[in-house]
Amino acid sequence: NLGGVDTSFDRRKRTAIAALNQKAGNQAKDMSAFDSALRYFLNGILWMPAEERWSTNYAESLALHVSAAETACLLENLGVVTKLTEEVAANVTSDKDKIACLFCLTKSLYSC
């Protein structure tokens, strides 16, 4: 993670690394280490192959984006919440999948 995304890895390895970031982010969030959790979630998003992020790895991508948005909301980082919500809204296949991010955005806007 510290070295950044290695695009030479094949799709399966990158997806596996993204999943490990999701797991690490969840553990960090459970321990209230929100800054670390957000970094893990955002790194997980970066590790997902961009060209397939929403088509091939929809559920994983949605989970990473929602987790990152929820964590950014806890950190009162409106910019990150807004960016993630916009990406989710542009790529999800149902309104139900938008709800968690929109809720975080609403909470973030309310706290400003």
Foldseek 3Di string as FASTA:
>chain_A
DVVAADPVDDQVVLQVQLVVLQVVLVVCVVVVVLVSSLVSLVSSLRSHDPVCLCPPVNVSNLSSLLSNLQSCLVVLNLVSLVVSLVVQVVRDDDPVSSVSSVVSNVSSVVVD
